[in-house]
Amino acid sequence: MTSGFMTSGFANPINPLVADVGSPPIPEAQAWVRRYDGSYGPLINLSQAVPGNPPHADLLERMAAIAGSPTGSQYGPINGDASLREAYAADLSRLYEGRIQPGDIAVTAGCNMAFFAAMMLLAHRGEAVLLPTPWYFNHQMTLDMLGIEPRPLPCRAEHGFVPRIEDAEALIDGKVRAIVLVTPNNPTGAVYPAHVIESFAQLCRRRGIYLVIDETYRDFLPQGVNRAHGLFTAEDWRDTVIQLYSFSKSYAIPGHRTGAIAADAKLIEQIAKILDCIQICAPRTAQGALPWAIDALRDWREENRAEINRRAQVFQAALAPLPEWRIESVGAYFAYLSHPFPQAKAQQVAERLATERGVLCLPGSYFGPGQEGHLRVAIANVGADILSGLTERFRGLTL
């Protein structure tokens, strides 16, 4: 192993678990647009899941005051400020009709940090975690760097990209320590039905492993769907469930890196050991303002949810005249698109769209095995007026 990575430009050996992981894919894709000549109009960047709207003005004002105060510059508690843990636990309890206590919450520097800490807690080198494919590439990268096998749990287009219990059960052996679910899903946008999520929790309980459910896009469920599942309604959720969340998308503050883990308080005590080593404390500025925002900005968040769902509809309408580009799944921030070039690699198609048509999206190959026929489109990044103009950008593309 040593010679393999020493010949790649390193003077001395480095950890092969890091060296063997590919570089973050989004910067690679963003480099393609330097070759776009502007002939189809301004670049349309649909590559990264970032909110297309700014934070609420009152939230910005409160964060500015906290950032300018001495308290906002000091260390905070390892597991997060008490006021945010209390407000978030109360919000979860209200939303899911369960009992979640502040001691069941840890605040993290974004949801990626939450995932990293949860995986480090649950598994060690040589063990495995079931990861639905297509998968979020940072999840796969994290597991690879920790020496944990990301075992693909296939999610197929004919099943709406929703994982199946029977597929998961067949993959569980003595090495598997957890199953990860992501709903609404990145990259497909698929929303898993509540009965499916609850069946996975039952499977994990029966097999003595954990269910880690990433609900980064929870606040962008389709209109009328206000609760993704009923996992928290019974007290035995603590034996099996670890939930991950991101404040970044819901409050349009991704640069402030604020996420959360909800788990039994005894697990949170163990997670604190990890967080103390990798973050000390989550950034303080957003933590100080979010307890107010959770209650005060409910209507604003609902408006954003309605707008994101409207953008999904506009995107579908824009591609409707082009049946060769098939939208196989759409929801929350994403659409998962089947491209019309069966012999081509997904990266070729995405690169051609970027360099010739000025539309930057990501190839399915970034999201795991068997995804060469797909592209991921992040539909939340731009307004409906821009999405409606995609018809001519996609029309007639050739390789």
Protein backbone atom coordinates (compact mmCIF):
# COMPACT_ATOMS: atom_id res chain seq x y z
CA MET A 1 0.00 0.00 0.00
CA THR A 2 2.78 2.41 0.95
CA SER A 3 4.48 2.45 -2.43
CA GLY A 4 1.16 3.03 -4.16
CA PHE A 5 0.48 6.36 -2.54
CA MET A 6 4.10 7.49 -2.11
CA THR A 7 4.46 7.56 -5.90
CA SER A 8 1.50 9.93 -6.16
CA GLY A 9 3.50 12.97 -5.11
CA PHE A 10 3.83 12.44 -1.35
CA ALA A 11 7.33 12.62 0.05
CA ASN A 12 6.38 10.43 3.03
CA PRO A 13 3.56 7.96 3.68
CA ILE A 14 0.10 9.25 4.55
CA ASN A 15 -2.97 7.34 5.70
CA PRO A 16 -4.05 5.23 2.71
CA LEU A 17 -7.67 5.36 3.88
CA VAL A 18 -7.53 9.08 3.03
CA ALA A 19 -5.24 8.85 0.02
CA ASP A 20 -7.42 6.26 -1.68
CA VAL A 21 -10.60 8.36 -1.40
CA GLY A 22 -11.35 10.54 -4.41
CA SER A 23 -11.26 14.32 -4.15
CA PRO A 24 -14.49 16.20 -3.37
CA PRO A 25 -16.44 16.03 -6.64
CA ILE A 26 -18.24 19.40 -6.71
CA PRO A 27 -15.06 21.49 -7.27
CA GLU A 28 -14.16 19.15 -10.14
CA ALA A 29 -17.52 19.74 -11.79
CA GLN A 30 -17.37 23.49 -11.17
CA ALA A 31 -14.12 23.65 -13.14
CA TRP A 32 -15.98 22.66 -16.32
CA VAL A 33 -17.81 25.98 -16.56
CA ARG A 34 -14.58 27.83 -17.29
CA ARG A 35 -14.90 26.47 -20.83
CA TYR A 36 -18.46 27.73 -21.33
CA ASP A 37 -18.56 30.61 -23.83
CA GLY A 38 -21.88 32.12 -22.70
CA SER A 39 -23.66 31.44 -25.98
CA TYR A 40 -26.84 30.19 -24.24
CA GLY A 41 -26.91 32.94 -21.67
CA PRO A 42 -25.61 33.18 -18.10
CA LEU A 43 -24.44 30.05 -16.32
CA ILE A 44 -27.18 28.12 -14.48
CA ASN A 45 -25.54 26.40 -11.52
CA LEU A 46 -27.59 23.39 -10.44
CA SER A 47 -24.70 21.47 -8.91
CA GLN A 48 -24.81 22.13 -5.17
CA ALA A 49 -27.63 21.99 -2.64
CA VAL A 50 -27.55 25.57 -1.41
CA PRO A 51 -30.59 27.68 -0.54
CA GLY A 52 -31.59 29.99 -3.37
CA ASN A 53 -32.91 32.59 -0.94
CA PRO A 54 -31.09 34.69 1.69
CA PRO A 55 -31.67 34.23 5.42
CA HIS A 56 -34.55 36.14 6.98
CA ALA A 57 -33.53 39.76 7.67
CA ASP A 58 -34.36 39.47 11.39
CA LEU A 59 -32.24 36.34 11.69
CA LEU A 60 -29.31 38.13 10.05
CA GLU A 61 -29.72 41.04 12.42
CA ARG A 62 -29.66 38.78 15.46
CA MET A 63 -26.65 36.84 14.21
CA ALA A 64 -24.79 40.07 13.53
CA ALA A 65 -25.36 41.18 17.12
CA ILE A 66 -24.16 37.84 18.48
CA ALA A 67 -21.10 37.80 16.21
CA GLY A 68 -20.21 41.29 17.46
CA SER A 69 -20.48 40.36 21.13
CA PRO A 70 -17.71 38.94 23.34
CA THR A 71 -19.91 35.96 24.25
CA GLY A 72 -20.27 34.98 20.60
CA SER A 73 -16.50 34.64 20.31
CA GLN A 74 -16.03 32.31 23.28
CA TYR A 75 -16.10 28.55 23.50
CA GLY A 76 -19.49 27.04 24.19
CA PRO A 77 -20.61 23.68 25.59
CA ILE A 78 -19.33 20.65 23.67
CA ASN A 79 -22.84 19.43 22.84
CA GLY A 80 -24.18 22.87 21.97
CA ASP A 81 -25.71 25.86 23.70
CA ALA A 82 -28.40 24.89 26.19
CA SER A 83 -30.93 27.30 24.69
CA LEU A 84 -30.67 25.73 21.24
CA ARG A 85 -30.78 22.16 22.56
CA GLU A 86 -33.91 23.02 24.54
CA ALA A 87 -35.63 24.77 21.64
CA TYR A 88 -34.75 22.07 19.13
CA ALA A 89 -35.81 19.23 21.47
CA ALA A 90 -39.14 20.98 22.03
CA ASP A 91 -39.59 21.46 18.28
CA LEU A 92 -38.86 17.79 17.57
CA SER A 93 -41.26 16.72 20.33
CA ARG A 94 -44.00 18.90 18.86
CA LEU A 95 -43.42 17.82 15.26
CA TYR A 96 -43.06 14.09 15.90
CA GLU A 97 -45.46 13.84 18.87
CA GLY A 98 -42.77 12.21 20.98
CA ARG A 99 -40.62 12.95 24.00
CA ILE A 100 -37.19 14.27 23.11
CA GLN A 101 -35.20 15.91 25.88
CA PRO A 102 -32.38 18.49 25.62
CA GLY A 103 -30.01 15.78 26.84
CA ASP A 104 -30.89 13.78 23.72
CA ILE A 105 -29.46 16.52 21.47
CA ALA A 106 -25.95 17.41 20.32
CA VAL A 107 -25.33 20.44 18.10
CA THR A 108 -22.70 19.93 15.42
CA ALA A 109 -20.82 21.97 12.83
CA GLY A 110 -23.22 20.98 10.08
CA CYS A 111 -24.91 17.68 9.26
CA ASN A 112 -21.75 16.25 7.69
CA MET A 113 -20.11 16.56 11.09
CA ALA A 114 -23.13 14.87 12.65
CA PHE A 115 -22.79 11.96 10.23
CA PHE A 116 -19.04 11.65 10.81
CA ALA A 117 -19.51 11.56 14.58
CA ALA A 118 -22.35 9.03 14.37
CA MET A 119 -20.36 6.68 12.16
CA MET A 120 -17.28 6.93 14.36
CA LEU A 121 -19.49 6.07 17.33
CA LEU A 122 -21.20 3.05 15.78
CA ALA A 123 -18.55 1.22 13.79
CA HIS A 124 -14.84 0.72 13.53
CA ARG A 125 -12.42 -0.37 10.82
CA GLY A 126 -13.48 -3.57 9.13
CA GLU A 127 -17.17 -3.27 10.01
CA ALA A 128 -19.95 -2.19 7.65
CA VAL A 129 -22.87 0.21 7.29
CA LEU A 130 -25.69 -0.16 4.77
CA LEU A 131 -25.85 2.95 2.61
CA PRO A 132 -28.70 3.41 0.11
CA THR A 133 -27.51 3.84 -3.47
CA PRO A 134 -27.45 6.22 -5.16
CA TRP A 135 -25.74 7.66 -2.10
CA TYR A 136 -24.64 11.07 -0.91
CA PHE A 137 -20.94 11.06 -1.79
CA ASN A 138 -19.78 12.63 1.49
CA HIS A 139 -21.38 9.71 3.36
CA GLN A 140 -19.42 7.22 1.27
CA MET A 141 -16.20 9.25 1.59
CA THR A 142 -16.60 9.40 5.38
CA LEU A 143 -17.04 5.66 5.71
CA ASP A 144 -14.09 4.93 3.42
CA MET A 145 -11.81 7.23 5.41
CA LEU A 146 -12.86 5.57 8.66
CA GLY A 147 -12.17 2.13 7.20
CA ILE A 148 -15.88 1.21 7.42
CA GLU A 149 -17.37 -0.61 4.45
CA PRO A 150 -20.15 1.40 2.74
CA ARG A 151 -22.27 -1.56 1.72
CA PRO A 152 -24.63 -0.53 -1.10
CA LEU A 153 -28.35 -0.91 -0.42
CA PRO A 154 -29.85 -0.60 -3.92
CA CYS A 155 -32.72 1.83 -4.46
CA ARG A 156 -34.22 1.32 -7.89
CA ALA A 157 -36.11 3.67 -10.17
CA GLU A 158 -38.99 1.19 -10.54
CA HIS A 159 -39.52 1.42 -6.77
CA GLY A 160 -39.32 5.21 -6.70
CA PHE A 161 -35.74 5.02 -5.36
CA VAL A 162 -37.15 3.86 -2.00
CA PRO A 163 -35.11 1.11 -0.30
CA ARG A 164 -36.77 -2.24 0.39
CA ILE A 165 -36.68 -4.15 3.66
CA GLU A 166 -36.03 -7.48 1.96
CA ASP A 167 -32.98 -6.10 0.16
CA ALA A 168 -31.58 -4.73 3.40
CA GLU A 169 -32.22 -7.89 5.38
CA ALA A 170 -30.30 -9.95 2.82
CA LEU A 171 -27.27 -7.66 3.23
CA ILE A 172 -27.05 -7.75 7.02
CA ASP A 173 -24.35 -9.98 8.46
CA GLY A 174 -22.15 -9.92 11.55
CA LYS A 175 -20.17 -6.94 10.24
CA VAL A 176 -23.11 -4.56 9.78
CA ARG A 177 -23.53 -2.02 12.58
CA ALA A 178 -26.12 0.38 11.14
CA ILE A 179 -28.45 1.20 8.28
CA VAL A 180 -28.50 4.78 6.96
CA LEU A 181 -31.64 6.29 5.44
CA VAL A 182 -31.73 9.75 3.84
CA THR A 183 -35.20 11.24 3.34
CA PRO A 184 -36.02 13.41 1.48
CA ASN A 185 -33.15 11.87 -0.38
CA ASN A 186 -29.95 13.34 -1.73
CA PRO A 187 -29.40 12.79 -4.66
CA THR A 188 -32.79 11.53 -5.89
CA GLY A 189 -35.22 13.74 -4.00
CA ALA A 190 -37.27 10.61 -3.13
CA VAL A 191 -39.42 10.88 0.00
CA TYR A 192 -39.60 7.58 1.87
CA PRO A 193 -43.09 6.64 3.10
CA ALA A 194 -43.53 6.60 6.87
CA HIS A 195 -44.35 2.87 6.95
CA VAL A 196 -41.08 2.09 5.14
CA ILE A 197 -39.03 4.13 7.62
CA GLU A 198 -40.81 2.53 10.55
CA SER A 199 -40.27 -0.96 9.08
CA PHE A 200 -36.55 -0.24 8.83
CA ALA A 201 -36.52 0.76 12.51
CA GLN A 202 -38.20 -2.55 13.36
CA LEU A 203 -35.62 -4.42 11.28
CA CYS A 204 -32.76 -2.66 13.05
CA ARG A 205 -34.29 -3.38 16.46
CA ARG A 206 -34.72 -7.03 15.56
CA ARG A 207 -31.13 -7.36 14.30
CA GLY A 208 -29.54 -5.36 17.10
CA ILE A 209 -28.15 -2.53 14.96
CA TYR A 210 -28.87 1.21 14.68
CA LEU A 211 -31.00 3.12 12.22
CA VAL A 212 -29.36 6.44 11.32
CA ILE A 213 -31.88 8.67 9.57
CA ASP A 214 -30.56 11.83 7.90
CA GLU A 215 -33.37 14.38 7.64
CA THR A 216 -31.38 17.33 6.32
CA TYR A 217 -34.26 18.22 3.95
CA ARG A 218 -37.08 17.47 6.41
CA ASP A 219 -38.51 20.98 6.18
CA PHE A 220 -39.07 20.67 2.41
CA LEU A 221 -41.48 17.75 2.36
CA PRO A 222 -44.35 18.02 -0.13
CA GLN A 223 -47.21 20.26 0.92
CA GLY A 224 -49.52 18.44 3.28
CA VAL A 225 -46.87 16.02 4.54
CA ASN A 226 -45.91 17.51 7.87
CA ARG A 227 -44.23 14.57 9.56
CA ALA A 228 -41.90 12.13 7.85
CA HIS A 229 -42.42 9.23 10.26
CA GLY A 230 -43.61 8.18 13.69
CA LEU A 231 -40.32 6.86 15.05
CA PHE A 232 -40.33 9.12 18.12
CA THR A 233 -43.87 8.40 19.29
CA ALA A 234 -42.81 5.35 21.33
CA GLU A 235 -40.17 5.55 24.05
CA ASP A 236 -38.19 2.60 22.64
CA TRP A 237 -36.87 4.81 19.82
CA ARG A 238 -33.86 5.37 22.08
CA ASP A 239 -32.72 1.77 21.61
CA THR A 240 -32.43 2.03 17.85
CA VAL A 241 -32.79 5.48 16.26
CA ILE A 242 -30.23 8.23 15.67
CA GLN A 243 -31.58 11.21 13.75
CA LEU A 244 -29.44 13.79 11.93
CA TYR A 245 -30.57 17.28 10.91
CA SER A 246 -29.25 20.45 9.33
CA PHE A 247 -30.32 24.00 10.15
CA SER A 248 -28.39 25.13 7.06
CA LYS A 249 -31.06 24.54 4.44
CA SER A 250 -34.14 25.39 6.51
CA TYR A 251 -32.78 28.74 7.67
CA ALA A 252 -30.58 29.47 4.59
CA ILE A 253 -27.38 29.63 6.65
CA PRO A 254 -25.10 26.88 5.22
CA GLY A 255 -21.98 28.94 5.86
CA HIS A 256 -22.69 28.99 9.57
CA ARG A 257 -22.37 25.18 9.77
CA THR A 258 -25.07 24.18 12.25
CA GLY A 259 -26.49 20.67 12.45
CA ALA A 260 -27.81 18.36 15.14
CA ILE A 261 -27.90 14.77 16.35
CA ALA A 262 -30.89 13.38 18.24
CA ALA A 263 -30.22 10.13 20.10
CA ASP A 264 -30.57 8.63 23.53
CA ALA A 265 -28.78 10.77 26.13
CA LYS A 266 -26.33 7.95 26.89
CA LEU A 267 -25.27 7.90 23.24
CA ILE A 268 -24.98 11.69 23.23
CA GLU A 269 -22.55 11.42 26.16
CA GLN A 270 -20.35 9.18 24.01
CA ILE A 271 -20.71 11.44 20.96
CA ALA A 272 -19.47 14.33 23.11
CA LYS A 273 -16.07 12.62 23.30
CA ILE A 274 -15.85 12.68 19.53
CA LEU A 275 -17.12 16.24 19.19
CA ASP A 276 -14.64 17.49 21.77
CA CYS A 277 -11.81 16.25 19.55
CA ILE A 278 -13.09 17.34 16.14
CA GLN A 279 -14.95 20.59 16.81
CA ILE A 280 -14.69 21.59 20.54
CA CYS A 281 -18.03 23.34 20.03
CA ALA A 282 -20.25 24.19 17.09
CA PRO A 283 -20.07 27.79 15.75
CA ARG A 284 -21.69 30.13 18.24
CA THR A 285 -23.24 32.83 16.03
CA ALA A 286 -26.10 30.75 14.62
CA GLN A 287 -26.58 28.89 17.89
CA GLY A 288 -27.40 32.15 19.62
CA ALA A 289 -30.08 33.15 17.11
CA LEU A 290 -31.72 29.83 16.23
CA PRO A 291 -33.70 29.36 19.48
CA TRP A 292 -35.65 32.49 18.56
CA ALA A 293 -35.90 31.48 14.88
CA ILE A 294 -37.33 28.01 15.48
CA ASP A 295 -40.63 29.49 16.67
CA ALA A 296 -40.57 32.94 15.11
CA LEU A 297 -39.82 31.89 11.52
CA ARG A 298 -42.27 29.00 11.13
CA ASP A 299 -44.37 30.89 8.56
CA TRP A 300 -41.24 31.97 6.67
CA ARG A 301 -40.04 28.37 6.50
CA GLU A 302 -43.45 27.28 5.21
CA GLU A 303 -43.25 29.90 2.47
CA ASN A 304 -39.83 28.58 1.49
CA ARG A 305 -41.15 25.04 1.42
CA ALA A 306 -43.96 26.08 -0.89
CA GLU A 307 -41.50 27.88 -3.16
CA ILE A 308 -39.13 24.90 -3.37
CA ASN A 309 -42.04 22.62 -4.26
CA ARG A 310 -43.12 25.13 -6.91
CA ARG A 311 -39.62 25.08 -8.39
CA ALA A 312 -39.83 21.29 -8.64
CA GLN A 313 -43.05 21.66 -10.63
CA VAL A 314 -41.52 24.29 -12.91
CA PHE A 315 -38.52 22.04 -13.57
CA GLN A 316 -40.82 19.17 -14.48
CA ALA A 317 -42.76 21.42 -16.85
CA ALA A 318 -39.54 22.67 -18.48
CA LEU A 319 -38.42 19.14 -19.35
CA ALA A 320 -41.87 17.82 -20.28
CA PRO A 321 -41.37 18.71 -24.01
CA LEU A 322 -38.16 16.63 -23.98
CA PRO A 323 -39.23 13.04 -23.15
CA GLU A 324 -35.76 11.76 -23.95
CA TRP A 325 -34.67 13.43 -20.67
CA ARG A 326 -36.68 11.42 -18.16
CA ILE A 327 -37.19 12.73 -14.62
CA GLU A 328 -37.17 9.54 -12.57
CA SER A 329 -37.53 11.18 -9.17
CA VAL A 330 -38.05 14.70 -7.83
CA GLY A 331 -38.56 16.18 -4.38
CA ALA A 332 -37.20 18.65 -1.84
CA TYR A 333 -34.00 20.09 -3.32
CA PHE A 334 -33.33 17.56 -6.08
CA ALA A 335 -34.38 15.91 -9.29
CA TYR A 336 -32.76 12.71 -10.57
CA LEU A 337 -32.65 12.69 -14.32
CA SER A 338 -32.12 9.86 -16.79
CA HIS A 339 -30.06 11.13 -19.74
CA PRO A 340 -30.65 10.01 -23.36
CA PHE A 341 -27.13 8.72 -24.18
CA PRO A 342 -27.02 5.02 -23.20
CA GLN A 343 -23.45 4.51 -24.37
CA ALA A 344 -22.06 7.58 -22.65
CA LYS A 345 -20.64 8.02 -19.19
CA ALA A 346 -22.64 10.34 -16.95
CA GLN A 347 -19.62 12.61 -16.54
CA GLN A 348 -19.40 13.10 -20.31
CA VAL A 349 -23.02 14.20 -20.42
CA ALA A 350 -22.73 16.55 -17.44
CA GLU A 351 -19.52 18.06 -18.78
CA ARG A 352 -21.08 18.67 -22.20
CA LEU A 353 -24.11 20.35 -20.62
CA ALA A 354 -21.79 22.61 -18.63
CA THR A 355 -19.34 23.52 -21.37
CA GLU A 356 -21.80 23.88 -24.28
CA ARG A 357 -25.11 24.84 -22.66
CA GLY A 358 -24.04 26.53 -19.45
CA VAL A 359 -26.01 24.19 -17.17
CA LEU A 360 -23.98 22.72 -14.33
CA CYS A 361 -25.35 19.59 -12.69
CA LEU A 362 -23.64 16.50 -11.31
CA PRO A 363 -23.14 13.11 -12.97
CA GLY A 364 -24.81 10.12 -11.37
CA SER A 365 -21.44 8.39 -11.17
CA TYR A 366 -20.60 10.70 -8.25
CA PHE A 367 -23.35 8.96 -6.27
CA GLY A 368 -22.27 5.36 -6.33
CA PRO A 369 -22.21 2.26 -8.51
CA GLY A 370 -24.69 1.75 -11.33
CA GLN A 371 -25.53 5.44 -11.81
CA GLU A 372 -23.93 6.19 -15.19
CA GLY A 373 -27.33 6.78 -16.80
CA HIS A 374 -28.26 9.64 -14.47
CA LEU A 375 -27.65 13.27 -13.59
CA ARG A 376 -28.50 15.01 -10.32
CA VAL A 377 -30.09 18.45 -10.62
CA ALA A 378 -30.24 20.73 -7.55
CA ILE A 379 -33.44 22.64 -8.26
CA ALA A 380 -33.46 24.87 -5.17
CA ASN A 381 -30.46 26.96 -6.18
CA VAL A 382 -32.20 29.25 -8.67
CA GLY A 383 -35.59 30.86 -9.18
CA ALA A 384 -38.53 29.42 -11.08
CA ASP A 385 -37.98 31.96 -13.89
CA ILE A 386 -34.53 30.48 -14.56
CA LEU A 387 -35.71 26.88 -14.30
CA SER A 388 -38.42 27.54 -16.87
CA GLY A 389 -35.72 28.41 -19.41
CA LEU A 390 -34.03 25.02 -19.22
CA THR A 391 -36.03 23.59 -22.13
CA GLU A 392 -33.82 25.19 -24.77
CA ARG A 393 -30.64 24.45 -22.84
CA PHE A 394 -31.34 20.70 -22.88
CA ARG A 395 -32.98 20.51 -26.31
CA GLY A 396 -30.85 18.95 -29.03
CA LEU A 397 -27.75 18.30 -26.94
CA THR A 398 -25.44 15.84 -28.70
CA LEU A 399 -22.30 13.97 -27.74
